[in-house]
PDB file of N, CA and C in Angstrom:
ATOM      1  N   MET A   1       0.864  -1.165   0.035  1.00  0.00           N
ATOM      2  CA  MET A   1      -0.049  -0.009  -0.004  1.00  0.00           C
ATOM      3  C   MET A   1       0.974   1.240  -0.083  1.00  0.00           C
ATOM      4  N   SER A   2       0.676   2.114  -0.945  1.00  0.00           N
ATOM      5  CA  SER A   2       1.544   3.319  -1.020  1.00  0.00           C
ATOM      6  C   SER A   2       0.941   4.442  -0.232  1.00  0.00           C
ATOM      7  N   VAL A   3       1.796   5.275   0.145  1.00  0.00           N
ATOM      8  CA  VAL A   3       1.376   6.425   0.905  1.00  0.00           C
ATOM      9  C   VAL A   3       0.980   7.626  -0.003  1.00  0.00           C
ATOM     10  N   ARG A   4      -0.146   8.209   0.179  1.00  0.00           N
ATOM     11  CA  ARG A   4      -0.497   9.330  -0.676  1.00  0.00           C
ATOM     12  C   ARG A   4       0.041  10.633  -0.099  1.00  0.00           C
ATOM     13  N   ARG A   5       0.752  11.369  -0.917  1.00  0.00           N
ATOM     14  CA  ARG A   5       1.434  12.586  -0.454  1.00  0.00           C
ATOM     15  C   ARG A   5       0.822  13.834  -1.084  1.00  0.00           C
ATOM     16  N   SER A   6       0.914  14.947  -0.465  1.00  0.00           N
ATOM     17  CA  SER A   6       0.339  16.143  -1.048  1.00  0.00           C
ATOM     18  C   SER A   6       1.413  16.693  -1.994  1.00  0.00           C
ATOM     19  N   GLY A   7       1.050  17.648  -2.748  1.00  0.00           N
ATOM     20  CA  GLY A   7       2.035  18.240  -3.737  1.00  0.00           C
ATOM     21  C   GLY A   7       3.228  18.866  -3.048  1.00  0.00           C
ATOM     22  N   LEU A   8       2.971  19.519  -1.778  1.00  0.00           N
ATOM     23  CA  LEU A   8       4.004  20.125  -1.168  1.00  0.00           C
ATOM     24  C   LEU A   8       4.951  19.040  -0.507  1.00  0.00           C
ATOM     25  N   GLN A   9       4.448  17.935  -0.040  1.00  0.00           N
ATOM     26  CA  GLN A   9       5.308  16.867   0.403  1.00  0.00           C
ATOM     27  C   GLN A   9       6.177  16.315  -0.676  1.00  0.00           C
ATOM     28  N   ARG A  10       5.598  16.140  -1.872  1.00  0.00           N
ATOM     29  CA  ARG A  10       6.312  15.648  -2.940  1.00  0.00           C
ATOM     30  C   ARG A  10       7.430  16.596  -3.388  1.00  0.00           C
ATOM     31  N   GLU A  11       7.155  17.833  -3.252  1.00  0.00           N
ATOM     32  CA  GLU A  11       8.197  18.917  -3.611  1.00  0.00           C
ATOM     33  C   GLU A  11       9.331  18.916  -2.546  1.00  0.00           C
ATOM     34  N   VAL A  12       9.004  18.718  -1.394  1.00  0.00           N
ATOM     35  CA  VAL A  12      10.034  18.670  -0.322  1.00  0.00           C
ATOM     36  C   VAL A  12      10.949  17.398  -0.547  1.00  0.00           C
ATOM     37  N   LEU A  13      10.262  16.334  -0.814  1.00  0.00           N
ATOM     38  CA  LEU A  13      11.028  15.043  -1.053  1.00  0.00           C
ATOM     39  C   LEU A  13      11.841  15.073  -2.306  1.00  0.00           C
ATOM     40  N   SER A  14      11.401  15.742  -3.321  1.00  0.00           N
ATOM     41  CA  SER A  14      12.122  15.938  -4.544  1.00  0.00           C
ATOM     42  C   SER A  14      13.328  16.771  -4.282  1.00  0.00           C
ATOM     43  N   LEU A  15      13.148  17.868  -3.496  1.00  0.00           N
ATOM     44  CA  LEU A  15      14.360  18.706  -3.173  1.00  0.00           C
ATOM     45  C   LEU A  15      15.325  17.976  -2.437  1.00  0.00           C
ATOM     46  N   TYR A  16      14.929  17.135  -1.459  1.00  0.00           N
ATOM     47  CA  TYR A  16      15.879  16.315  -0.648  1.00  0.00           C
ATOM     48  C   TYR A  16      16.728  15.375  -1.458  1.00  0.00           C
ATOM     49  N   ARG A  17      15.956  14.631  -2.411  1.00  0.00           N
ATOM     50  CA  ARG A  17      16.630  13.714  -3.323  1.00  0.00           C
ATOM     51  C   ARG A  17      17.646  14.485  -4.245  1.00  0.00           C
ATOM     52  N   ARG A  18      17.290  15.650  -4.704  1.00  0.00           N
ATOM     53  CA  ARG A  18      18.129  16.450  -5.558  1.00  0.00           C
ATOM     54  C   ARG A  18      19.391  16.790  -4.768  1.00  0.00           C
ATOM     55  N   ALA A  19      19.242  17.236  -3.473  1.00  0.00           N
ATOM     56  CA  ALA A  19      20.298  17.509  -2.699  1.00  0.00           C
ATOM     57  C   ALA A  19      21.318  16.346  -2.433  1.00  0.00           C
ATOM     58  N   LEU A  20      20.665  15.213  -2.194  1.00  0.00           N
ATOM     59  CA  LEU A  20      21.500  14.008  -2.035  1.00  0.00           C
ATOM     60  C   LEU A  20      22.218  13.671  -3.237  1.00  0.00           C
ATOM     61  N   ARG A  21      21.567  13.771  -4.400  1.00  0.00           N
ATOM     62  CA  ARG A  21      22.353  13.509  -5.719  1.00  0.00           C
ATOM     63  C   ARG A  21      23.485  14.515  -5.942  1.00  0.00           C
ATOM     64  N   MET A  22      23.289  15.797  -5.493  1.00  0.00           N
ATOM     65  CA  MET A  22      24.276  16.822  -5.561  1.00  0.00           C
ATOM     66  C   MET A  22      25.514  16.347  -4.737  1.00  0.00           C
ATOM     67  N   VAL A  23      25.286  15.786  -3.539  1.00  0.00           N
ATOM     68  CA  VAL A  23      26.316  15.367  -2.620  1.00  0.00           C
ATOM     69  C   VAL A  23      27.256  14.341  -3.408  1.00  0.00           C
ATOM     70  N   ASN A  24      26.662  13.398  -4.230  1.00  0.00           N
ATOM     71  CA  ASN A  24      27.459  12.396  -4.925  1.00  0.00           C
ATOM     72  C   ASN A  24      28.325  12.963  -6.013  1.00  0.00           C
ATOM     73  N   THR A  25      28.096  14.289  -6.397  1.00  0.00           N
ATOM     74  CA  THR A  25      28.978  14.799  -7.469  1.00  0.00           C
ATOM     75  C   THR A  25      30.182  15.554  -6.829  1.00  0.00           C
ATOM     76  N   LYS A  26      30.257  15.617  -5.475  1.00  0.00           N
ATOM     77  CA  LYS A  26      31.312  16.247  -4.779  1.00  0.00           C
ATOM     78  C   LYS A  26      32.589  15.274  -4.598  1.00  0.00           C
ATOM     79  N   PRO A  27      33.635  15.838  -4.279  1.00  0.00           N
ATOM     80  CA  PRO A  27      34.870  14.980  -4.002  1.00  0.00           C
ATOM     81  C   PRO A  27      34.579  14.004  -2.768  1.00  0.00           C
ATOM     82  N   PRO A  28      35.043  12.776  -2.983  1.00  0.00           N
ATOM     83  CA  PRO A  28      34.790  11.807  -1.882  1.00  0.00           C
ATOM     84  C   PRO A  28      35.190  12.268  -0.541  1.00  0.00           C
ATOM     85  N   ALA A  29      36.283  13.095  -0.363  1.00  0.00           N
ATOM     86  CA  ALA A  29      36.625  13.587   0.885  1.00  0.00           C
ATOM     87  C   ALA A  29      35.603  14.563   1.532  1.00  0.00           C
ATOM     88  N   ALA A  30      34.774  15.243   0.733  1.00  0.00           N
ATOM     89  CA  ALA A  30      33.879  16.164   1.190  1.00  0.00           C
ATOM     90  C   ALA A  30      32.438  15.755   1.255  1.00  0.00           C
ATOM     91  N   GLN A  31      32.229  14.592   0.708  1.00  0.00           N
ATOM     92  CA  GLN A  31      30.863  14.049   0.547  1.00  0.00           C
ATOM     93  C   GLN A  31      30.183  13.910   1.944  1.00  0.00           C
ATOM     94  N   SER A  32      30.909  13.418   2.969  1.00  0.00           N
ATOM     95  CA  SER A  32      30.335  13.352   4.257  1.00  0.00           C
ATOM     96  C   SER A  32      29.856  14.522   4.825  1.00  0.00           C
ATOM     97  N   LYS A  33      30.704  15.652   4.667  1.00  0.00           N
ATOM     98  CA  LYS A  33      30.289  16.926   5.163  1.00  0.00           C
ATOM     99  C   LYS A  33      29.038  17.390   4.476  1.00  0.00           C
ATOM    100  N   PHE A  34      29.018  17.318   3.095  1.00  0.00           N
ATOM    101  CA  PHE A  34      27.900  17.743   2.318  1.00  0.00           C
ATOM    102  C   PHE A  34      26.601  17.016   2.819  1.00  0.00           C
ATOM    103  N   ARG A  35      26.770  15.739   3.017  1.00  0.00           N
ATOM    104  CA  ARG A  35      25.671  14.867   3.400  1.00  0.00           C
ATOM    105  C   ARG A  35      25.099  15.307   4.723  1.00  0.00           C
ATOM    106  N   LEU A  36      25.992  15.548   5.747  1.00  0.00           N
ATOM    107  CA  LEU A  36      25.674  15.999   7.007  1.00  0.00           C
ATOM    108  C   LEU A  36      24.966  17.360   6.940  1.00  0.00           C
ATOM    109  N   PHE A  37      25.479  18.183   6.159  1.00  0.00           N
ATOM    110  CA  PHE A  37      24.817  19.559   6.014  1.00  0.00           C
ATOM    111  C   PHE A  37      23.448  19.410   5.457  1.00  0.00           C
ATOM    112  N   VAL A  38      23.238  18.537   4.506  1.00  0.00           N
ATOM    113  CA  VAL A  38      21.931  18.405   3.907  1.00  0.00           C
ATOM    114  C   VAL A  38      20.932  17.794   4.862  1.00  0.00           C
ATOM    115  N   ARG A  39      21.268  16.710   5.564  1.00  0.00           N
ATOM    116  CA  ARG A  39      20.544  16.062   6.513  1.00  0.00           C
ATOM    117  C   ARG A  39      20.195  16.984   7.664  1.00  0.00           C
ATOM    118  N   TYR A  40      21.112  17.723   8.274  1.00  0.00           N
ATOM    119  CA  TYR A  40      20.960  18.690   9.347  1.00  0.00           C
ATOM    120  C   TYR A  40      19.984  19.720   8.958  1.00  0.00           C
ATOM    121  N   SER A  41      20.216  20.359   7.730  1.00  0.00           N
ATOM    122  CA  SER A  41      19.279  21.423   7.315  1.00  0.00           C
ATOM    123  C   SER A  41      17.922  21.000   7.188  1.00  0.00           C
ATOM    124  N   PHE A  42      17.663  19.891   6.546  1.00  0.00           N
ATOM    125  CA  PHE A  42      16.289  19.372   6.316  1.00  0.00           C
ATOM    126  C   PHE A  42      15.604  19.041   7.667  1.00  0.00           C
ATOM    127  N   LYS A  43      16.337  18.362   8.485  1.00  0.00           N
ATOM    128  CA  LYS A  43      15.774  17.852   9.768  1.00  0.00           C
ATOM    129  C   LYS A  43      15.426  19.059  10.716  1.00  0.00           C
ATOM    130  N   THR A  44      16.340  19.965  10.847  1.00  0.00           N
ATOM    131  CA  THR A  44      16.176  21.045  11.750  1.00  0.00           C
ATOM    132  C   THR A  44      15.032  22.074  11.204  1.00  0.00           C
ATOM    133  N   GLN A  45      15.004  22.212   9.921  1.00  0.00           N
ATOM    134  CA  GLN A  45      13.932  23.119   9.394  1.00  0.00           C
ATOM    135  C   GLN A  45      12.586  22.352   9.510  1.00  0.00           C
ATOM    136  N   ALA A  46      12.526  21.093   9.283  1.00  0.00           N
ATOM    137  CA  ALA A  46      11.281  20.391   9.512  1.00  0.00           C
ATOM    138  C   ALA A  46      10.724  20.396  10.841  1.00  0.00           C
ATOM    139  N   ALA A  47      11.654  20.329  11.822  1.00  0.00           N
ATOM    140  CA  ALA A  47      11.276  20.448  13.241  1.00  0.00           C
ATOM    141  C   ALA A  47      10.824  21.826  13.614  1.00  0.00           C
ATOM    142  N   ALA A  48      11.247  22.804  12.937  1.00  0.00           N
ATOM    143  CA  ALA A  48      10.961  24.207  13.308  1.00  0.00           C
ATOM    144  C   ALA A  48       9.721  24.751  12.602  1.00  0.00           C
ATOM    145  N   VAL A  49       9.083  24.051  11.717  1.00  0.00           N
ATOM    146  CA  VAL A  49       8.013  24.490  10.893  1.00  0.00           C
ATOM    147  C   VAL A  49       6.760  23.535  11.159  1.00  0.00           C
ATOM    148  N   SER A  50       5.589  24.143  11.293  1.00  0.00           N
ATOM    149  CA  SER A  50       4.407  23.302  11.318  1.00  0.00           C
ATOM    150  C   SER A  50       4.019  22.857   9.995  1.00  0.00           C
ATOM    151  N   PRO A  51       3.559  21.553   9.897  1.00  0.00           N
ATOM    152  CA  PRO A  51       3.199  21.066   8.581  1.00  0.00           C
ATOM    153  C   PRO A  51       2.039  21.812   7.876  1.00  0.00           C
ATOM    154  N   ARG A  52       1.361  22.554   8.694  1.00  0.00           N
ATOM    155  CA  ARG A  52       0.127  23.354   8.219  1.00  0.00           C
ATOM    156  C   ARG A  52       0.582  24.770   7.746  1.00  0.00           C
ATOM    157  N   ASP A  53       1.805  25.173   7.994  1.00  0.00           N
ATOM    158  CA  ASP A  53       2.327  26.496   7.653  1.00  0.00           C
ATOM    159  C   ASP A  53       2.792  26.521   6.189  1.00  0.00           C
ATOM    160  N   VAL A  54       1.801  26.504   5.275  1.00  0.00           N
ATOM    161  CA  VAL A  54       2.124  26.293   3.881  1.00  0.00           C
ATOM    162  C   VAL A  54       3.087  27.425   3.320  1.00  0.00           C
ATOM    163  N   SER A  55       2.800  28.676   3.629  1.00  0.00           N
ATOM    164  CA  SER A  55       3.593  29.747   3.162  1.00  0.00           C
ATOM    165  C   SER A  55       5.053  29.659   3.561  1.00  0.00           C
ATOM    166  N   THR A  56       5.318  29.241   4.776  1.00  0.00           N
ATOM    167  CA  THR A  56       6.640  29.146   5.314  1.00  0.00           C
ATOM    168  C   THR A  56       7.410  28.035   4.568  1.00  0.00           C
ATOM    169  N   ILE A  57       6.711  26.866   4.328  1.00  0.00           N
ATOM    170  CA  ILE A  57       7.217  25.664   3.664  1.00  0.00           C
ATOM    171  C   ILE A  57       7.549  26.067   2.246  1.00  0.00           C
ATOM    172  N   GLU A  58       6.663  26.854   1.594  1.00  0.00           N
ATOM    173  CA  GLU A  58       6.921  27.311   0.171  1.00  0.00           C
ATOM    174  C   GLU A  58       8.156  28.163   0.209  1.00  0.00           C
ATOM    175  N   HIS A  59       8.305  29.103   1.131  1.00  0.00           N
ATOM    176  CA  HIS A  59       9.463  29.947   1.179  1.00  0.00           C
ATOM    177  C   HIS A  59      10.639  29.111   1.341  1.00  0.00           C
ATOM    178  N   LEU A  60      10.701  28.152   2.293  1.00  0.00           N
ATOM    179  CA  LEU A  60      11.827  27.328   2.558  1.00  0.00           C
ATOM    180  C   LEU A  60      12.227  26.472   1.258  1.00  0.00           C
ATOM    181  N   LEU A  61      11.247  26.040   0.535  1.00  0.00           N
ATOM    182  CA  LEU A  61      11.520  25.404  -0.726  1.00  0.00           C
ATOM    183  C   LEU A  61      12.135  26.205  -1.824  1.00  0.00           C
ATOM    184  N   ARG A  62      11.781  27.521  -1.895  1.00  0.00           N
ATOM    185  CA  ARG A  62      12.442  28.381  -2.792  1.00  0.00           C
ATOM    186  C   ARG A  62      13.895  28.634  -2.354  1.00  0.00           C
ATOM    187  N   ARG A  63      14.007  28.925  -1.067  1.00  0.00           N
ATOM    188  CA  ARG A  63      15.282  29.123  -0.539  1.00  0.00           C
ATOM    189  C   ARG A  63      16.264  27.961  -0.725  1.00  0.00           C
ATOM    190  N   GLY A  64      15.708  26.699  -0.493  1.00  0.00           N
ATOM    191  CA  GLY A  64      16.470  25.516  -0.584  1.00  0.00           C
ATOM    192  C   GLY A  64      16.901  25.249  -2.122  1.00  0.00           C
ATOM    193  N   ARG A  65      15.972  25.560  -2.979  1.00  0.00           N
ATOM    194  CA  ARG A  65      16.367  25.394  -4.441  1.00  0.00           C
ATOM    195  C   ARG A  65      17.482  26.214  -4.892  1.00  0.00           C
ATOM    196  N   ARG A  66      17.389  27.547  -4.350  1.00  0.00           N
ATOM    197  CA  ARG A  66      18.467  28.447  -4.700  1.00  0.00           C
ATOM    198  C   ARG A  66      19.793  27.986  -4.135  1.00  0.00           C
ATOM    199  N   GLN A  67      19.736  27.489  -2.934  1.00  0.00           N
ATOM    200  CA  GLN A  67      21.006  27.132  -2.246  1.00  0.00           C
ATOM    201  C   GLN A  67      21.574  25.795  -2.879  1.00  0.00           C
ATOM    202  N   ILE A  68      20.801  24.904  -3.254  1.00  0.00           N
ATOM    203  CA  ILE A  68      21.245  23.739  -3.967  1.00  0.00           C
ATOM    204  C   ILE A  68      21.848  24.112  -5.341  1.00  0.00           C
ATOM    205  N   GLU A  69      21.201  25.006  -6.021  1.00  0.00           N
ATOM    206  CA  GLU A  69      21.731  25.415  -7.373  1.00  0.00           C
ATOM    207  C   GLU A  69      23.146  25.948  -7.111  1.00  0.00           C
ATOM    208  N   MET A  70      23.402  26.770  -6.037  1.00  0.00           N
ATOM    209  CA  MET A  70      24.793  27.212  -5.754  1.00  0.00           C
ATOM    210  C   MET A  70      25.704  26.030  -5.519  1.00  0.00           C
ATOM    211  N   TYR A  71      25.325  25.082  -4.605  1.00  0.00           N
ATOM    212  CA  TYR A  71      26.175  24.008  -4.258  1.00  0.00           C
ATOM    213  C   TYR A  71      26.339  22.935  -5.503  1.00  0.00           C
ATOM    214  N   GLU A  72      25.412  22.933  -6.441  1.00  0.00           N
ATOM    215  CA  GLU A  72      25.589  22.092  -7.627  1.00  0.00           C
ATOM    216  C   GLU A  72      26.666  22.585  -8.500  1.00  0.00           C
ATOM    217  N   ASP A  73      27.183  23.745  -8.387  1.00  0.00           N
ATOM    218  CA  ASP A  73      28.222  24.252  -9.216  1.00  0.00           C
ATOM    219  C   ASP A  73      29.476  23.452  -8.941  1.00  0.00           C
ATOM    220  N   PRO A  74      30.108  22.967 -10.077  1.00  0.00           N
ATOM    221  CA  PRO A  74      31.280  22.155  -9.896  1.00  0.00           C
ATOM    222  C   PRO A  74      32.457  22.892  -9.189  1.00  0.00           C
ATOM    223  N   LYS A  75      32.483  24.278  -9.210  1.00  0.00           N
ATOM    224  CA  LYS A  75      33.556  24.937  -8.508  1.00  0.00           C
ATOM    225  C   LYS A  75      33.446  24.863  -6.926  1.00  0.00           C
ATOM    226  N   VAL A  76      32.203  24.469  -6.479  1.00  0.00           N
ATOM    227  CA  VAL A  76      32.093  24.296  -5.084  1.00  0.00           C
ATOM    228  C   VAL A  76      32.480  22.908  -4.707  1.00  0.00           C
ATOM    229  N   ARG A  77      33.650  22.864  -4.002  1.00  0.00           N
ATOM    230  CA  ARG A  77      34.315  21.531  -3.600  1.00  0.00           C
ATOM    231  C   ARG A  77      34.161  21.166  -2.240  1.00  0.00           C
ATOM    232  N   ASP A  78      33.704  21.999  -1.365  1.00  0.00           N
ATOM    233  CA  ASP A  78      33.705  21.696   0.085  1.00  0.00           C
ATOM    234  C   ASP A  78      32.660  22.582   0.739  1.00  0.00           C
ATOM    235  N   CYS A  79      32.203  22.250   1.958  1.00  0.00           N
ATOM    236  CA  CYS A  79      31.249  23.115   2.627  1.00  0.00           C
ATOM    237  C   CYS A  79      31.670  23.121   4.142  1.00  0.00           C
ATOM    238  N   TRP A  80      31.227  24.113   4.842  1.00  0.00           N
ATOM    239  CA  TRP A  80      31.549  24.298   6.284  1.00  0.00           C
ATOM    240  C   TRP A  80      30.498  23.589   7.025  1.00  0.00           C
ATOM    241  N   VAL A  81      30.977  22.875   8.087  1.00  0.00           N
ATOM    242  CA  VAL A  81      30.029  22.157   8.973  1.00  0.00           C
ATOM    243  C   VAL A  81      30.482  22.600  10.467  1.00  0.00           C
ATOM    244  N   SER A  82      29.398  23.133  11.150  1.00  0.00           N
ATOM    245  CA  SER A  82      29.700  23.568  12.510  1.00  0.00           C
ATOM    246  C   SER A  82      29.791  22.400  13.468  1.00  0.00           C
ATOM    247  N   SER A  83      30.356  22.762  14.606  1.00  0.00           N
ATOM    248  CA  SER A  83      30.444  21.728  15.673  1.00  0.00           C
ATOM    249  C   SER A  83      29.038  21.219  16.165  1.00  0.00           C
ATOM    250  N   ASP A  84      28.033  22.079  16.074  1.00  0.00           N
ATOM    251  CA  ASP A  84      26.604  21.679  16.366  1.00  0.00           C
ATOM    252  C   ASP A  84      26.150  20.621  15.373  1.00  0.00           C
ATOM    253  N   MET A  85      26.482  20.841  14.131  1.00  0.00           N
ATOM    254  CA  MET A  85      26.127  19.857  13.047  1.00  0.00           C
ATOM    255  C   MET A  85      26.769  18.510  13.297  1.00  0.00           C
ATOM    256  N   VAL A  86      28.047  18.603  13.564  1.00  0.00           N
ATOM    257  CA  VAL A  86      28.806  17.282  13.849  1.00  0.00           C
ATOM    258  C   VAL A  86      28.209  16.491  15.098  1.00  0.00           C
ATOM    259  N   GLN A  87      27.933  17.328  16.123  1.00  0.00           N
ATOM    260  CA  GLN A  87      27.382  16.572  17.330  1.00  0.00           C
ATOM    261  C   GLN A  87      25.970  16.046  16.994  1.00  0.00           C
ATOM    262  N   TRP A  88      25.115  16.775  16.264  1.00  0.00           N
ATOM    263  CA  TRP A  88      23.871  16.348  15.845  1.00  0.00           C
ATOM    264  C   TRP A  88      23.937  15.042  14.993  1.00  0.00           C
ATOM    265  N   GLY A  89      24.906  15.059  14.080  1.00  0.00           N
ATOM    266  CA  GLY A  89      25.200  13.957  13.263  1.00  0.00           C
ATOM    267  C   GLY A  89      25.583  12.706  14.016  1.00  0.00           C
ATOM    268  N   GLU A  90      26.375  12.824  15.048  1.00  0.00           N
ATOM    269  CA  GLU A  90      26.710  11.703  15.821  1.00  0.00           C
ATOM    270  C   GLU A  90      25.532  11.156  16.604  1.00  0.00           C
ATOM    271  N   ASN A  91      24.635  12.048  17.068  1.00  0.00           N
ATOM    272  CA  ASN A  91      23.489  11.592  17.825  1.00  0.00           C
ATOM    273  C   ASN A  91      22.380  11.109  16.921  1.00  0.00           C
ATOM    274  N   ASN A  92      22.406  11.401  15.651  1.00  0.00           N
ATOM    275  CA  ASN A  92      21.354  11.112  14.724  1.00  0.00           C
ATOM    276  C   ASN A  92      21.795  10.319  13.435  1.00  0.00           C
ATOM    277  N   ARG A  93      22.485   9.306  13.692  1.00  0.00           N
ATOM    278  CA  ARG A  93      23.092   8.572  12.559  1.00  0.00           C
ATOM    279  C   ARG A  93      21.786   8.024  11.720  1.00  0.00           C
ATOM    280  N   GLY A  94      22.008   8.054  10.483  1.00  0.00           N
ATOM    281  CA  GLY A  94      21.007   7.531   9.663  1.00  0.00           C
ATOM    282  C   GLY A  94      21.205   6.006   9.384  1.00  0.00           C
ATOM    283  N   ARG A  95      20.264   5.341   8.731  1.00  0.00           N
ATOM    284  CA  ARG A  95      20.292   3.901   8.640  1.00  0.00           C
ATOM    285  C   ARG A  95      21.590   3.603   7.772  1.00  0.00           C
ATOM    286  N   ARG A  96      21.878   4.390   6.715  1.00  0.00           N
ATOM    287  CA  ARG A  96      23.059   4.024   5.846  1.00  0.00           C
ATOM    288  C   ARG A  96      24.386   4.220   6.479  1.00  0.00           C
ATOM    289  N   GLU A  97      24.430   5.229   7.270  1.00  0.00           N
ATOM    290  CA  GLU A  97      25.656   5.545   8.013  1.00  0.00           C
ATOM    291  C   GLU A  97      26.063   4.445   8.962  1.00  0.00           C
ATOM    292  N   GLY A  98      25.074   3.864   9.617  1.00  0.00           N
ATOM    293  CA  GLY A  98      25.276   2.717  10.451  1.00  0.00           C
ATOM    294  C   GLY A  98      25.725   1.565   9.790  1.00  0.00           C
ATOM    295  N   VAL A  99      25.223   1.359   8.616  1.00  0.00           N
ATOM    296  CA  VAL A  99      25.677   0.197   7.750  1.00  0.00           C
ATOM    297  C   VAL A  99      27.088   0.329   7.181  1.00  0.00           C
ATOM    298  N   ARG A 100      27.418   1.609   6.831  1.00  0.00           N
ATOM    299  CA  ARG A 100      28.808   1.814   6.431  1.00  0.00           C
ATOM    300  C   ARG A 100      29.756   1.633   7.507  1.00  0.00           C
ATOM    301  N   ASP A 101      29.492   2.210   8.730  1.00  0.00           N
ATOM    302  CA  ASP A 101      30.345   2.124   9.882  1.00  0.00           C
ATOM    303  C   ASP A 101      30.529   0.628  10.278  1.00  0.00           C
ATOM    304  N   THR A 102      29.549  -0.179  10.179  1.00  0.00           N
ATOM    305  CA  THR A 102      29.675  -1.611  10.527  1.00  0.00           C
ATOM    306  C   THR A 102      30.488  -2.344   9.491  1.00  0.00           C
ATOM    307  N   ALA A 103      30.345  -1.938   8.240  1.00  0.00           N
ATOM    308  CA  ALA A 103      31.248  -2.601   7.220  1.00  0.00           C
ATOM    309  C   ALA A 103      32.592  -2.213   7.401  1.00  0.00           C
ATOM    310  N   ARG A 104      32.905  -0.973   7.693  1.00  0.00           N
ATOM    311  CA  ARG A 104      34.311  -0.550   7.939  1.00  0.00           C
ATOM    312  C   ARG A 104      34.970  -1.259   9.043  1.00  0.00           C
ATOM    313  N   THR A 105      34.245  -1.333  10.138  1.00  0.00           N
ATOM    314  CA  THR A 105      34.817  -1.960  11.409  1.00  0.00           C
ATOM    315  C   THR A 105      34.981  -3.426  11.234  1.00  0.00           C
ATOM    316  N   SER A 106      34.152  -4.058  10.447  1.00  0.00           N
ATOM    317  CA  SER A 106      34.274  -5.578  10.338  1.00  0.00           C
ATOM    318  C   SER A 106      35.197  -5.920   9.241  1.00  0.00           C
ATOM    319  N   GLY A 107      35.736  -5.029   8.463  1.00  0.00           N
ATOM    320  CA  GLY A 107      36.707  -5.301   7.443  1.00  0.00           C
ATOM    321  C   GLY A 107      35.976  -5.820   6.056  1.00  0.00           C
ATOM    322  N   THR A 108      34.701  -5.736   5.964  1.00  0.00           N
ATOM    323  CA  THR A 108      33.999  -6.085   4.730  1.00  0.00           C
ATOM    324  C   THR A 108      33.590  -4.871   4.018  1.00  0.00           C
ATOM    325  N   SER A 109      33.409  -4.970   2.809  1.00  0.00           N
ATOM    326  CA  SER A 109      32.765  -3.860   2.045  1.00  0.00           C
ATOM    327  C   SER A 109      31.491  -4.215   1.464  1.00  0.00           C
ATOM    328  N   SER A 110      30.616  -3.232   1.281  1.00  0.00           N
ATOM    329  CA  SER A 110      29.311  -3.475   0.761  1.00  0.00           C
ATOM    330  C   SER A 110      29.347  -3.544  -0.732  1.00  0.00           C
ATOM    331  N   SER A 111      30.402  -3.214  -1.453  1.00  0.00           N
ATOM    332  CA  SER A 111      30.501  -3.168  -2.921  1.00  0.00           C
ATOM    333  C   SER A 111      31.068  -4.473  -3.533  1.00  0.00           C
ATOM    334  N   SER A 112      30.907  -5.523  -2.842  1.00  0.00           N
ATOM    335  CA  SER A 112      31.512  -6.852  -3.383  1.00  0.00           C
ATOM    336  C   SER A 112      30.517  -7.551  -4.199  1.00  0.00           C
TER     337      SER A 112
END
């Protein structure tokens, strides 16, 4: 059974996927910083805005699109990550980070 999403929800998810695809175009050394920046930005903004506040969500979507357009530029090779973001990332590891960390520590790779 699939979940029905509103147009605004689909736009937010589309922007998030676009941001994650942008991360993959960056140098491998900087990808973890970009990924943390994207995750932190989306999660903190989502927690700060009511789902019923459509005008604020639309504003954040416009601002997010402009920001991603800037980061998609090939000349942008790195991004700044604050200590708050790093601490948040350590406390809120995603499913994929946990899998990667487990693979690294066990000596196996997921690309076999």
